[in-house]
PDB file of N, CA and C in Angstrom:
ATOM      1  N   MET A   1      23.641-111.423 -80.609  1.00  0.00           N
ATOM      2  CA  MET A   1      24.279-112.641 -80.206  1.00  0.00           C
ATOM      3  C   MET A   1      25.709-112.296 -79.767  1.00  0.00           C
ATOM      4  N   LEU A   2      26.107-112.754 -78.626  1.00  0.00           N
ATOM      5  CA  LEU A   2      27.462-112.557 -78.138  1.00  0.00           C
ATOM      6  C   LEU A   2      28.318-113.719 -78.626  1.00  0.00           C
ATOM      7  N   VAL A   3      29.463-113.405 -79.249  1.00  0.00           N
ATOM      8  CA  VAL A   3      30.330-114.445 -79.812  1.00  0.00           C
ATOM      9  C   VAL A   3      31.779-114.193 -79.396  1.00  0.00           C
ATOM     10  N   PRO A   4      32.562-115.259 -79.262  1.00  0.00           N
ATOM     11  CA  PRO A   4      33.984-115.067 -78.977  1.00  0.00           C
ATOM     12  C   PRO A   4      34.731-114.691 -80.250  1.00  0.00           C
ATOM     13  N   VAL A   5      35.712-113.809 -80.131  1.00  0.00           N
ATOM     14  CA  VAL A   5      36.539-113.427 -81.271  1.00  0.00           C
ATOM     15  C   VAL A   5      37.965-113.874 -80.958  1.00  0.00           C
ATOM     16  N   PRO A   6      38.477-114.838 -81.739  1.00  0.00           N
ATOM     17  CA  PRO A   6      39.823-115.342 -81.451  1.00  0.00           C
ATOM     18  C   PRO A   6      40.910-114.355 -81.871  1.00  0.00           C
ATOM     19  N   LEU A   7      42.117-114.594 -81.375  1.00  0.00           N
ATOM     20  CA  LEU A   7      43.283-113.829 -81.822  1.00  0.00           C
ATOM     21  C   LEU A   7      43.746-114.373 -83.169  1.00  0.00           C
ATOM     22  N   ARG A   8      44.414-113.543 -83.947  1.00  0.00           N
ATOM     23  CA  ARG A   8      44.968-113.972 -85.227  1.00  0.00           C
ATOM     24  C   ARG A   8      46.047-115.015 -85.000  1.00  0.00           C
ATOM     25  N   ASN A   9      46.325-115.816 -86.032  1.00  0.00           N
ATOM     26  CA  ASN A   9      47.376-116.827 -85.950  1.00  0.00           C
ATOM     27  C   ASN A   9      48.689-116.200 -85.524  1.00  0.00           C
ATOM     28  N   SER A  10      49.406-116.858 -84.685  1.00  0.00           N
ATOM     29  CA  SER A  10      50.719-116.487 -84.151  1.00  0.00           C
ATOM     30  C   SER A  10      50.672-115.330 -83.156  1.00  0.00           C
ATOM     31  N   VAL A  11      49.514-114.799 -82.837  1.00  0.00           N
ATOM     32  CA  VAL A  11      49.385-113.747 -81.821  1.00  0.00           C
ATOM     33  C   VAL A  11      49.071-114.430 -80.494  1.00  0.00           C
ATOM     34  N   THR A  12      49.883-114.183 -79.497  1.00  0.00           N
ATOM     35  CA  THR A  12      49.674-114.815 -78.192  1.00  0.00           C
ATOM     36  C   THR A  12      49.046-113.877 -77.176  1.00  0.00           C
ATOM     37  N   GLN A  13      49.191-112.575 -77.380  1.00  0.00           N
ATOM     38  CA  GLN A  13      48.607-111.586 -76.473  1.00  0.00           C
ATOM     39  C   GLN A  13      48.147-110.383 -77.278  1.00  0.00           C
ATOM     40  N   MET A  14      46.914-109.956 -77.043  1.00  0.00           N
ATOM     41  CA  MET A  14      46.371-108.833 -77.799  1.00  0.00           C
ATOM     42  C   MET A  14      46.958-107.515 -77.315  1.00  0.00           C
ATOM     43  N   LYS A  15      47.514-106.750 -78.269  1.00  0.00           N
ATOM     44  CA  LYS A  15      48.042-105.423 -77.963  1.00  0.00           C
ATOM     45  C   LYS A  15      47.377-104.351 -78.812  1.00  0.00           C
ATOM     46  N   HIS A  16      46.648-104.777 -79.840  1.00  0.00           N
ATOM     47  CA  HIS A  16      46.047-103.873 -80.819  1.00  0.00           C
ATOM     48  C   HIS A  16      44.761-104.527 -81.316  1.00  0.00           C
ATOM     49  N   ILE A  17      43.775-103.722 -81.627  1.00  0.00           N
ATOM     50  CA  ILE A  17      42.493-104.277 -82.099  1.00  0.00           C
ATOM     51  C   ILE A  17      42.680-105.130 -83.363  1.00  0.00           C
ATOM     52  N   ASN A  18      43.706-104.834 -84.149  1.00  0.00           N
ATOM     53  CA  ASN A  18      43.963-105.637 -85.352  1.00  0.00           C
ATOM     54  C   ASN A  18      44.517-107.016 -85.033  1.00  0.00           C
ATOM     55  N   ASP A  19      44.810-107.298 -83.759  1.00  0.00           N
ATOM     56  CA  ASP A  19      45.238-108.637 -83.360  1.00  0.00           C
ATOM     57  C   ASP A  19      44.069-109.609 -83.299  1.00  0.00           C
ATOM     58  N   LEU A  20      42.846-109.090 -83.314  1.00  0.00           N
ATOM     59  CA  LEU A  20      41.662-109.946 -83.307  1.00  0.00           C
ATOM     60  C   LEU A  20      41.400-110.484 -84.706  1.00  0.00           C
ATOM     61  N   GLU A  21      40.993-111.730 -84.788  1.00  0.00           N
ATOM     62  CA  GLU A  21      40.673-112.362 -86.084  1.00  0.00           C
ATOM     63  C   GLU A  21      39.204-112.089 -86.414  1.00  0.00           C
ATOM     64  N   VAL A  22      38.910-110.832 -86.769  1.00  0.00           N
ATOM     65  CA  VAL A  22      37.528-110.453 -87.072  1.00  0.00           C
ATOM     66  C   VAL A  22      37.026-111.159 -88.327  1.00  0.00           C
ATOM     67  N   LEU A  23      37.937-111.586 -89.193  1.00  0.00           N
ATOM     68  CA  LEU A  23      37.525-112.290 -90.412  1.00  0.00           C
ATOM     69  C   LEU A  23      36.882-113.638 -90.103  1.00  0.00           C
ATOM     70  N   HIS A  24      37.023-114.099 -88.869  1.00  0.00           N
ATOM     71  CA  HIS A  24      36.347-115.327 -88.443  1.00  0.00           C
ATOM     72  C   HIS A  24      34.830-115.151 -88.537  1.00  0.00           C
ATOM     73  N   TRP A  25      34.335-113.937 -88.284  1.00  0.00           N
ATOM     74  CA  TRP A  25      32.899-113.646 -88.277  1.00  0.00           C
ATOM     75  C   TRP A  25      32.455-112.762 -89.435  1.00  0.00           C
ATOM     76  N   VAL A  26      33.313-111.864 -89.898  1.00  0.00           N
ATOM     77  CA  VAL A  26      32.906-110.872 -90.895  1.00  0.00           C
ATOM     78  C   VAL A  26      33.977-110.779 -91.986  1.00  0.00           C
ATOM     79  N   ASP A  27      33.574-110.996 -93.225  1.00  0.00           N
ATOM     80  CA  ASP A  27      34.518-110.834 -94.339  1.00  0.00           C
ATOM     81  C   ASP A  27      34.508-109.367 -94.745  1.00  0.00           C
ATOM     82  N   CYS A  28      35.294-108.565 -94.037  1.00  0.00           N
ATOM     83  CA  CYS A  28      35.294-107.131 -94.288  1.00  0.00           C
ATOM     84  C   CYS A  28      36.328-106.715 -95.327  1.00  0.00           C
ATOM     85  N   LEU A  29      37.077-107.660 -95.849  1.00  0.00           N
ATOM     86  CA  LEU A  29      38.088-107.312 -96.851  1.00  0.00           C
ATOM     87  C   LEU A  29      37.667-107.653 -98.276  1.00  0.00           C
ATOM     88  N   GLY A  30      36.799-108.639 -98.451  1.00  0.00           N
ATOM     89  CA  GLY A  30      36.344-109.000 -99.789  1.00  0.00           C
ATOM     90  C   GLY A  30      37.488-109.400-100.696  1.00  0.00           C
ATOM     91  N   ASP A  31      37.505-108.874-101.897  1.00  0.00           N
ATOM     92  CA  ASP A  31      38.528-109.209-102.882  1.00  0.00           C
ATOM     93  C   ASP A  31      39.883-108.592-102.571  1.00  0.00           C
ATOM     94  N   ASN A  32      39.940-107.615-101.675  1.00  0.00           N
ATOM     95  CA  ASN A  32      41.185-106.915-101.361  1.00  0.00           C
ATOM     96  C   ASN A  32      41.863-107.498-100.120  1.00  0.00           C
ATOM     97  N   ARG A  33      41.718-108.769 -99.891  1.00  0.00           N
ATOM     98  CA  ARG A  33      42.183-109.430 -98.674  1.00  0.00           C
ATOM     99  C   ARG A  33      43.650-109.164 -98.335  1.00  0.00           C
ATOM    100  N   PHE A  34      44.514-109.043 -99.329  1.00  0.00           N
ATOM    101  CA  PHE A  34      45.934-108.891 -99.057  1.00  0.00           C
ATOM    102  C   PHE A  34      46.440-107.467 -99.282  1.00  0.00           C
ATOM    103  N   GLN A  35      45.541-106.525 -99.602  1.00  0.00           N
ATOM    104  CA  GLN A  35      45.989-105.183 -99.933  1.00  0.00           C
ATOM    105  C   GLN A  35      45.335-104.087 -99.104  1.00  0.00           C
ATOM    106  N   VAL A  36      44.331-104.409 -98.311  1.00  0.00           N
ATOM    107  CA  VAL A  36      43.567-103.384 -97.614  1.00  0.00           C
ATOM    108  C   VAL A  36      43.914-103.366 -96.126  1.00  0.00           C
ATOM    109  N   ASN A  37      44.059-102.184 -95.580  1.00  0.00           N
ATOM    110  CA  ASN A  37      44.275-101.997 -94.155  1.00  0.00           C
ATOM    111  C   ASN A  37      42.952-102.252 -93.434  1.00  0.00           C
ATOM    112  N   MET A  38      42.992-102.990 -92.321  1.00  0.00           N
ATOM    113  CA  MET A  38      41.764-103.308 -91.576  1.00  0.00           C
ATOM    114  C   MET A  38      41.061-102.048 -91.070  1.00  0.00           C
ATOM    115  N   ALA A  39      41.774-100.948 -90.925  1.00  0.00           N
ATOM    116  CA  ALA A  39      41.153 -99.709 -90.444  1.00  0.00           C
ATOM    117  C   ALA A  39      40.058 -99.237 -91.392  1.00  0.00           C
ATOM    118  N   ARG A  40      40.147 -99.561 -92.667  1.00  0.00           N
ATOM    119  CA  ARG A  40      39.098 -99.177 -93.625  1.00  0.00           C
ATOM    120  C   ARG A  40      37.818 -99.952 -93.405  1.00  0.00           C
ATOM    121  N   ALA A  41      37.905-101.092 -92.715  1.00  0.00           N
ATOM    122  CA  ALA A  41      36.746-101.961 -92.546  1.00  0.00           C
ATOM    123  C   ALA A  41      36.004-101.705 -91.240  1.00  0.00           C
ATOM    124  N   ARG A  42      36.449-100.737 -90.447  1.00  0.00           N
ATOM    125  CA  ARG A  42      35.817-100.534 -89.154  1.00  0.00           C
ATOM    126  C   ARG A  42      35.406 -99.077 -88.948  1.00  0.00           C
ATOM    127  N   GLN A  43      34.452 -98.900 -88.033  1.00  0.00           N
ATOM    128  CA  GLN A  43      33.997 -97.568 -87.642  1.00  0.00           C
ATOM    129  C   GLN A  43      33.841 -97.589 -86.128  1.00  0.00           C
ATOM    130  N   THR A  44      34.454 -96.637 -85.435  1.00  0.00           N
ATOM    131  CA  THR A  44      34.415 -96.586 -83.981  1.00  0.00           C
ATOM    132  C   THR A  44      33.504 -95.467 -83.506  1.00  0.00           C
ATOM    133  N   TYR A  45      32.693 -95.758 -82.478  1.00  0.00           N
ATOM    134  CA  TYR A  45      31.795 -94.774 -81.870  1.00  0.00           C
ATOM    135  C   TYR A  45      32.126 -94.687 -80.390  1.00  0.00           C
ATOM    136  N   ASN A  46      32.525 -93.495 -79.927  1.00  0.00           N
ATOM    137  CA  ASN A  46      32.826 -93.273 -78.515  1.00  0.00           C
ATOM    138  C   ASN A  46      31.788 -92.401 -77.841  1.00  0.00           C
ATOM    139  N   VAL A  47      30.897 -91.804 -78.583  1.00  0.00           N
ATOM    140  CA  VAL A  47      29.887 -90.908 -78.019  1.00  0.00           C
ATOM    141  C   VAL A  47      28.526 -91.568 -78.163  1.00  0.00           C
ATOM    142  N   ILE A  48      27.847 -91.727 -77.069  1.00  0.00           N
ATOM    143  CA  ILE A  48      26.504 -92.299 -77.077  1.00  0.00           C
ATOM    144  C   ILE A  48      25.534 -91.158 -76.784  1.00  0.00           C
ATOM    145  N   ALA A  49      24.637 -90.880 -77.727  1.00  0.00           N
ATOM    146  CA  ALA A  49      23.705 -89.766 -77.578  1.00  0.00           C
ATOM    147  C   ALA A  49      22.676 -90.052 -76.489  1.00  0.00           C
ATOM    148  N   ASP A  50      22.171 -91.276 -76.459  1.00  0.00           N
ATOM    149  CA  ASP A  50      21.172 -91.636 -75.458  1.00  0.00           C
ATOM    150  C   ASP A  50      21.884 -92.147 -74.209  1.00  0.00           C
ATOM    151  N   PRO A  51      21.462 -91.712 -73.035  1.00  0.00           N
ATOM    152  CA  PRO A  51      22.135 -92.189 -71.825  1.00  0.00           C
ATOM    153  C   PRO A  51      21.943 -93.701 -71.675  1.00  0.00           C
ATOM    154  N   CYS A  52      23.036 -94.379 -71.429  1.00  0.00           N
ATOM    155  CA  CYS A  52      22.992 -95.826 -71.267  1.00  0.00           C
ATOM    156  C   CYS A  52      24.084 -96.190 -70.268  1.00  0.00           C
ATOM    157  N   SER A  53      23.699 -96.709 -69.128  1.00  0.00           N
ATOM    158  CA  SER A  53      24.681 -96.975 -68.080  1.00  0.00           C
ATOM    159  C   SER A  53      25.727 -97.991 -68.520  1.00  0.00           C
ATOM    160  N   ALA A  54      25.365 -98.945 -69.375  1.00  0.00           N
ATOM    161  CA  ALA A  54      26.335 -99.942 -69.838  1.00  0.00           C
ATOM    162  C   ALA A  54      27.417 -99.311 -70.706  1.00  0.00           C
ATOM    163  N   ALA A  55      27.130 -98.163 -71.330  1.00  0.00           N
ATOM    164  CA  ALA A  55      28.081 -97.520 -72.235  1.00  0.00           C
ATOM    165  C   ALA A  55      28.995 -96.517 -71.541  1.00  0.00           C
ATOM    166  N   ASP A  56      28.726 -96.205 -70.276  1.00  0.00           N
ATOM    167  CA  ASP A  56      29.559 -95.229 -69.571  1.00  0.00           C
ATOM    168  C   ASP A  56      31.020 -95.661 -69.576  1.00  0.00           C
ATOM    169  N   GLY A  57      31.879 -94.847 -70.183  1.00  0.00           N
ATOM    170  CA  GLY A  57      33.304 -95.141 -70.209  1.00  0.00           C
ATOM    171  C   GLY A  57      33.735 -96.110 -71.290  1.00  0.00           C
ATOM    172  N   TYR A  58      32.815 -96.483 -72.174  1.00  0.00           N
ATOM    173  CA  TYR A  58      33.136 -97.458 -73.219  1.00  0.00           C
ATOM    174  C   TYR A  58      32.780 -96.919 -74.600  1.00  0.00           C
ATOM    175  N   GLY A  59      33.401 -97.492 -75.606  1.00  0.00           N
ATOM    176  CA  GLY A  59      33.085 -97.218 -76.992  1.00  0.00           C
ATOM    177  C   GLY A  59      32.884 -98.540 -77.716  1.00  0.00           C
ATOM    178  N   TYR A  60      32.389 -98.471 -78.934  1.00  0.00           N
ATOM    179  CA  TYR A  60      32.122 -99.668 -79.725  1.00  0.00           C
ATOM    180  C   TYR A  60      32.719 -99.491 -81.114  1.00  0.00           C
ATOM    181  N   THR A  61      33.386-100.517 -81.599  1.00  0.00           N
ATOM    182  CA  THR A  61      33.907-100.511 -82.962  1.00  0.00           C
ATOM    183  C   THR A  61      33.132-101.546 -83.761  1.00  0.00           C
ATOM    184  N   PHE A  62      32.609-101.116 -84.917  1.00  0.00           N
ATOM    185  CA  PHE A  62      31.796-101.967 -85.775  1.00  0.00           C
ATOM    186  C   PHE A  62      32.611-102.394 -86.995  1.00  0.00           C
ATOM    187  N   PHE A  63      32.563-103.677 -87.302  1.00  0.00           N
ATOM    188  CA  PHE A  63      33.157-104.213 -88.530  1.00  0.00           C
ATOM    189  C   PHE A  63      31.998-104.697 -89.397  1.00  0.00           C
ATOM    190  N   ARG A  64      31.983-104.265 -90.667  1.00  0.00           N
ATOM    191  CA  ARG A  64      30.908-104.648 -91.590  1.00  0.00           C
ATOM    192  C   ARG A  64      31.443-105.490 -92.721  1.00  0.00           C
ATOM    193  N   GLU A  65      30.576-106.307 -93.286  1.00  0.00           N
ATOM    194  CA  GLU A  65      30.901-107.150 -94.434  1.00  0.00           C
ATOM    195  C   GLU A  65      31.280-106.265 -95.622  1.00  0.00           C
ATOM    196  N   ALA A  66      32.243-106.711 -96.403  1.00  0.00           N
ATOM    197  CA  ALA A  66      32.662-105.961 -97.594  1.00  0.00           C
ATOM    198  C   ALA A  66      31.541-105.994 -98.637  1.00  0.00           C
ATOM    199  N   PRO A  67      31.205-104.856 -99.234  1.00  0.00           N
ATOM    200  CA  PRO A  67      30.109-104.840-100.208  1.00  0.00           C
ATOM    201  C   PRO A  67      30.422-105.586-101.499  1.00  0.00           C
ATOM    202  N   ASP A  68      31.718-105.750-101.831  1.00  0.00           N
ATOM    203  CA  ASP A  68      32.041-106.382-103.106  1.00  0.00           C
ATOM    204  C   ASP A  68      31.899-107.904-103.094  1.00  0.00           C
ATOM    205  N   ILE A  69      31.523-108.496-101.946  1.00  0.00           N
ATOM    206  CA  ILE A  69      31.258-109.934-101.928  1.00  0.00           C
ATOM    207  C   ILE A  69      29.759-110.208-102.037  1.00  0.00           C
ATOM    208  N   TYR A  70      28.967-109.167-102.154  1.00  0.00           N
ATOM    209  CA  TYR A  70      27.507-109.228-102.344  1.00  0.00           C
ATOM    210  C   TYR A  70      26.808-110.051-101.271  1.00  0.00           C
ATOM    211  N   PRO A  71      26.996-109.675 -99.997  1.00  0.00           N
ATOM    212  CA  PRO A  71      26.297-110.400 -98.930  1.00  0.00           C
ATOM    213  C   PRO A  71      24.807-110.064 -98.939  1.00  0.00           C
ATOM    214  N   PRO A  72      23.977-110.905 -98.332  1.00  0.00           N
ATOM    215  CA  PRO A  72      22.537-110.627 -98.278  1.00  0.00           C
ATOM    216  C   PRO A  72      22.246-109.476 -97.319  1.00  0.00           C
ATOM    217  N   PRO A  73      21.080-108.840 -97.446  1.00  0.00           N
ATOM    218  CA  PRO A  73      20.709-107.772 -96.513  1.00  0.00           C
ATOM    219  C   PRO A  73      20.641-108.306 -95.088  1.00  0.00           C
ATOM    220  N   ASN A  74      20.998-107.469 -94.124  1.00  0.00           N
ATOM    221  CA  ASN A  74      20.959-107.853 -92.717  1.00  0.00           C
ATOM    222  C   ASN A  74      19.575-107.493 -92.180  1.00  0.00           C
ATOM    223  N   ALA A  75      18.711-108.501 -92.074  1.00  0.00           N
ATOM    224  CA  ALA A  75      17.321-108.288 -91.674  1.00  0.00           C
ATOM    225  C   ALA A  75      17.210-107.791 -90.235  1.00  0.00           C
ATOM    226  N   LEU A  76      18.104-108.210 -89.347  1.00  0.00           N
ATOM    227  CA  LEU A  76      18.053-107.773 -87.955  1.00  0.00           C
ATOM    228  C   LEU A  76      18.304-106.277 -87.856  1.00  0.00           C
ATOM    229  N   ILE A  77      19.319-105.783 -88.540  1.00  0.00           N
ATOM    230  CA  ILE A  77      19.600-104.346 -88.491  1.00  0.00           C
ATOM    231  C   ILE A  77      18.495-103.561 -89.171  1.00  0.00           C
ATOM    232  N   GLN A  78      17.946-104.082 -90.248  1.00  0.00           N
ATOM    233  CA  GLN A  78      16.813-103.399 -90.881  1.00  0.00           C
ATOM    234  C   GLN A  78      15.639-103.315 -89.922  1.00  0.00           C
ATOM    235  N   ASP A  79      15.430-104.367 -89.114  1.00  0.00           N
ATOM    236  CA  ASP A  79      14.354-104.359 -88.130  1.00  0.00           C
ATOM    237  C   ASP A  79      14.634-103.351 -87.018  1.00  0.00           C
ATOM    238  N   ILE A  80      15.882-103.296 -86.549  1.00  0.00           N
ATOM    239  CA  ILE A  80      16.263-102.353 -85.480  1.00  0.00           C
ATOM    240  C   ILE A  80      16.069-100.913 -85.935  1.00  0.00           C
ATOM    241  N   THR A  81      16.453-100.619 -87.175  1.00  0.00           N
ATOM    242  CA  THR A  81      16.395 -99.245 -87.678  1.00  0.00           C
ATOM    243  C   THR A  81      15.083 -98.903 -88.342  1.00  0.00           C
ATOM    244  N   SER A  82      14.234 -99.891 -88.543  1.00  0.00           N
ATOM    245  CA  SER A  82      13.001 -99.699 -89.318  1.00  0.00           C
ATOM    246  C   SER A  82      13.333 -99.057 -90.654  1.00  0.00           C
ATOM    247  N   ASN A  83      14.455 -99.486 -91.225  1.00  0.00           N
ATOM    248  CA  ASN A  83      14.991 -98.892 -92.454  1.00  0.00           C
ATOM    249  C   ASN A  83      14.283 -99.449 -93.681  1.00  0.00           C
ATOM    250  N   GLN A  84      13.648 -98.588 -94.407  1.00  0.00           N
ATOM    251  CA  GLN A  84      12.986 -98.986 -95.637  1.00  0.00           C
ATOM    252  C   GLN A  84      13.798 -98.593 -96.874  1.00  0.00           C
ATOM    253  N   SER A  85      14.839 -97.797 -96.683  1.00  0.00           N
ATOM    254  CA  SER A  85      15.638 -97.292 -97.793  1.00  0.00           C
ATOM    255  C   SER A  85      16.687 -98.313 -98.222  1.00  0.00           C
ATOM    256  N   LYS A  86      16.675 -98.692 -99.483  1.00  0.00           N
ATOM    257  CA  LYS A  86      17.662 -99.639 -99.994  1.00  0.00           C
ATOM    258  C   LYS A  86      19.046 -99.013-100.099  1.00  0.00           C
ATOM    259  N   GLU A  87      19.120 -97.700-100.241  1.00  0.00           N
ATOM    260  CA  GLU A  87      20.413 -97.024-100.382  1.00  0.00           C
ATOM    261  C   GLU A  87      21.242 -97.092 -99.107  1.00  0.00           C
ATOM    262  N   SER A  88      20.595 -97.083 -97.944  1.00  0.00           N
ATOM    263  CA  SER A  88      21.342 -97.093 -96.690  1.00  0.00           C
ATOM    264  C   SER A  88      21.257 -98.435 -95.966  1.00  0.00           C
ATOM    265  N   ALA A  89      20.810 -99.472 -96.642  1.00  0.00           N
ATOM    266  CA  ALA A  89      20.680-100.789 -96.030  1.00  0.00           C
ATOM    267  C   ALA A  89      22.055-101.363 -95.675  1.00  0.00           C
ATOM    268  N   VAL A  90      22.092-102.142 -94.610  1.00  0.00           N
ATOM    269  CA  VAL A  90      23.315-102.828 -94.198  1.00  0.00           C
ATOM    270  C   VAL A  90      23.239-104.252 -94.723  1.00  0.00           C
ATOM    271  N   PHE A  91      24.350-104.699 -95.317  1.00  0.00           N
ATOM    272  CA  PHE A  91      24.397-106.038 -95.887  1.00  0.00           C
ATOM    273  C   PHE A  91      25.381-106.902 -95.127  1.00  0.00           C
ATOM    274  N   GLY A  92      25.055-108.175 -94.968  1.00  0.00           N
ATOM    275  CA  GLY A  92      25.956-109.138 -94.359  1.00  0.00           C
ATOM    276  C   GLY A  92      26.070-108.986 -92.853  1.00  0.00           C
ATOM    277  N   ASN A  93      27.053-109.680 -92.309  1.00  0.00           N
ATOM    278  CA  ASN A  93      27.280-109.695 -90.865  1.00  0.00           C
ATOM    279  C   ASN A  93      27.892-108.384 -90.382  1.00  0.00           C
ATOM    280  N   VAL A  94      27.663-108.100 -89.116  1.00  0.00           N
ATOM    281  CA  VAL A  94      28.276-106.963 -88.435  1.00  0.00           C
ATOM    282  C   VAL A  94      28.846-107.502 -87.128  1.00  0.00           C
ATOM    283  N   LEU A  95      30.101-107.163 -86.852  1.00  0.00           N
ATOM    284  CA  LEU A  95      30.747-107.568 -85.612  1.00  0.00           C
ATOM    285  C   LEU A  95      31.028-106.309 -84.808  1.00  0.00           C
ATOM    286  N   VAL A  96      30.657-106.318 -83.527  1.00  0.00           N
ATOM    287  CA  VAL A  96      30.854-105.161 -82.656  1.00  0.00           C
ATOM    288  C   VAL A  96      31.843-105.545 -81.557  1.00  0.00           C
ATOM    289  N   ILE A  97      32.876-104.727 -81.404  1.00  0.00           N
ATOM    290  CA  ILE A  97      33.890-104.924 -80.374  1.00  0.00           C
ATOM    291  C   ILE A  97      33.754-103.780 -79.363  1.00  0.00           C
ATOM    292  N   LYS A  98      33.714-104.107 -78.071  1.00  0.00           N
ATOM    293  CA  LYS A  98      33.613-103.101 -76.998  1.00  0.00           C
ATOM    294  C   LYS A  98      35.013-102.823 -76.453  1.00  0.00           C
ATOM    295  N   HIS A  99      35.270-101.559 -76.153  1.00  0.00           N
ATOM    296  CA  HIS A  99      36.577-101.171 -75.621  1.00  0.00           C
ATOM    297  C   HIS A  99      36.405 -99.954 -74.731  1.00  0.00           C
ATOM    298  N   THR A 100      37.458 -99.609 -73.998  1.00  0.00           N
ATOM    299  CA  THR A 100      37.372 -98.412 -73.180  1.00  0.00           C
ATOM    300  C   THR A 100      37.263 -97.189 -74.094  1.00  0.00           C
ATOM    301  N   LYS A 101      36.553 -96.211 -73.629  1.00  0.00           N
ATOM    302  CA  LYS A 101      36.309 -94.995 -74.413  1.00  0.00           C
ATOM    303  C   LYS A 101      37.628 -94.307 -74.747  1.00  0.00           C
ATOM    304  N   GLY A 102      37.833 -94.041 -76.032  1.00  0.00           N
ATOM    305  CA  GLY A 102      39.036 -93.352 -76.465  1.00  0.00           C
ATOM    306  C   GLY A 102      40.237 -94.255 -76.705  1.00  0.00           C
ATOM    307  N   ASN A 103      40.121 -95.559 -76.417  1.00  0.00           N
ATOM    308  CA  ASN A 103      41.236 -96.482 -76.642  1.00  0.00           C
ATOM    309  C   ASN A 103      40.702 -97.803 -77.175  1.00  0.00           C
ATOM    310  N   LYS A 104      40.529 -97.885 -78.493  1.00  0.00           N
ATOM    311  CA  LYS A 104      39.935 -99.081 -79.091  1.00  0.00           C
ATOM    312  C   LYS A 104      40.817-100.317 -78.980  1.00  0.00           C
ATOM    313  N   HIS A 105      42.045-100.163 -78.503  1.00  0.00           N
ATOM    314  CA  HIS A 105      42.937-101.307 -78.343  1.00  0.00           C
ATOM    315  C   HIS A 105      42.795-101.960 -76.964  1.00  0.00           C
ATOM    316  N   ASP A 106      42.071-101.311 -76.056  1.00  0.00           N
ATOM    317  CA  ASP A 106      41.802-101.870 -74.730  1.00  0.00           C
ATOM    318  C   ASP A 106      40.426-102.533 -74.756  1.00  0.00           C
ATOM    319  N   VAL A 107      40.369-103.709 -75.355  1.00  0.00           N
ATOM    320  CA  VAL A 107      39.110-104.429 -75.593  1.00  0.00           C
ATOM    321  C   VAL A 107      38.620-105.066 -74.305  1.00  0.00           C
ATOM    322  N   VAL A 108      37.297-104.983 -74.085  1.00  0.00           N
ATOM    323  CA  VAL A 108      36.650-105.624 -72.940  1.00  0.00           C
ATOM    324  C   VAL A 108      35.483-106.464 -73.446  1.00  0.00           C
ATOM    325  N   ASP A 109      35.018-107.392 -72.611  1.00  0.00           N
ATOM    326  CA  ASP A 109      33.921-108.276 -73.005  1.00  0.00           C
ATOM    327  C   ASP A 109      32.612-107.515 -73.126  1.00  0.00           C
ATOM    328  N   LEU A 110      31.858-107.824 -74.170  1.00  0.00           N
ATOM    329  CA  LEU A 110      30.489-107.336 -74.297  1.00  0.00           C
ATOM    330  C   LEU A 110      29.605-108.121 -73.349  1.00  0.00           C
ATOM    331  N   THR A 111      28.532-107.492 -72.878  1.00  0.00           N
ATOM    332  CA  THR A 111      27.545-108.175 -72.045  1.00  0.00           C
ATOM    333  C   THR A 111      26.173-107.987 -72.676  1.00  0.00           C
ATOM    334  N   VAL A 112      25.209-108.708 -72.172  1.00  0.00           N
ATOM    335  CA  VAL A 112      23.833-108.583 -72.671  1.00  0.00           C
ATOM    336  C   VAL A 112      23.342-107.146 -72.495  1.00  0.00           C
ATOM    337  N   GLU A 113      23.789-106.472 -71.434  1.00  0.00           N
ATOM    338  CA  GLU A 113      23.370-105.086 -71.182  1.00  0.00           C
ATOM    339  C   GLU A 113      23.851-104.131 -72.284  1.00  0.00           C
ATOM    340  N   ASP A 114      24.905-104.490 -73.009  1.00  0.00           N
ATOM    341  CA  ASP A 114      25.422-103.640 -74.079  1.00  0.00           C
ATOM    342  C   ASP A 114      24.542-103.652 -75.326  1.00  0.00           C
ATOM    343  N   ILE A 115      23.725-104.661 -75.475  1.00  0.00           N
ATOM    344  CA  ILE A 115      22.969-104.822 -76.722  1.00  0.00           C
ATOM    345  C   ILE A 115      22.073-103.617 -77.001  1.00  0.00           C
ATOM    346  N   GLU A 116      21.366-103.107 -76.004  1.00  0.00           N
ATOM    347  CA  GLU A 116      20.499-101.946 -76.243  1.00  0.00           C
ATOM    348  C   GLU A 116      21.318-100.707 -76.587  1.00  0.00           C
ATOM    349  N   CYS A 117      22.489-100.544 -75.979  1.00  0.00           N
ATOM    350  CA  CYS A 117      23.367 -99.414 -76.323  1.00  0.00           C
ATOM    351  C   CYS A 117      23.817 -99.520 -77.781  1.00  0.00           C
ATOM    352  N   ILE A 118      24.175-100.713 -78.189  1.00  0.00           N
ATOM    353  CA  ILE A 118      24.591-100.937 -79.579  1.00  0.00           C
ATOM    354  C   ILE A 118      23.427-100.657 -80.518  1.00  0.00           C
ATOM    355  N   ASN A 119      22.229-101.087 -80.140  1.00  0.00           N
ATOM    356  CA  ASN A 119      21.055-100.796 -80.971  1.00  0.00           C
ATOM    357  C   ASN A 119      20.834 -99.286 -81.106  1.00  0.00           C
ATOM    358  N   CYS A 120      21.100 -98.522 -80.038  1.00  0.00           N
ATOM    359  CA  CYS A 120      20.974 -97.055 -80.109  1.00  0.00           C
ATOM    360  C   CYS A 120      21.960 -96.480 -81.120  1.00  0.00           C
ATOM    361  N   VAL A 121      23.190 -96.999 -81.127  1.00  0.00           N
ATOM    362  CA  VAL A 121      24.189 -96.531 -82.086  1.00  0.00           C
ATOM    363  C   VAL A 121      23.736 -96.870 -83.512  1.00  0.00           C
ATOM    364  N   ILE A 122      23.205 -98.061 -83.711  1.00  0.00           N
ATOM    365  CA  ILE A 122      22.755 -98.489 -85.033  1.00  0.00           C
ATOM    366  C   ILE A 122      21.601 -97.619 -85.522  1.00  0.00           C
ATOM    367  N   ARG A 123      20.709 -97.222 -84.621  1.00  0.00           N
ATOM    368  CA  ARG A 123      19.553 -96.404 -85.019  1.00  0.00           C
ATOM    369  C   ARG A 123      19.948 -95.006 -85.487  1.00  0.00           C
ATOM    370  N   ARG A 124      21.130 -94.511 -85.073  1.00  0.00           N
ATOM    371  CA  ARG A 124      21.548 -93.159 -85.446  1.00  0.00           C
ATOM    372  C   ARG A 124      21.838 -93.050 -86.910  1.00  0.00           C
TER     373      ARG A 124
END
């Protein structure tokens, strides 16, 4: 599902990926809301193993739900990965931000064509 990600309060122009209000979609801080750096809540992928024309020149940053809030298992990701292992299961929402390769602060809009590329990253 493609969703809009608003800017944080009092931010008028995005200059850094942390200017996005990712907490609107994903509670990646949990109980450490005022003490944790947002960089701990994200993982960036700039290398796509499978050739995908939509990914040429782009990378993806994933934000995951904090495990300490006990979110439910993410059935969509389990379906994509055919993951039967409870140890590596993904819980809660996942938000994916697209940006130019090597510069996660230069955010660009995701398109429907990106979904299969993102699924390839998730399967790895």
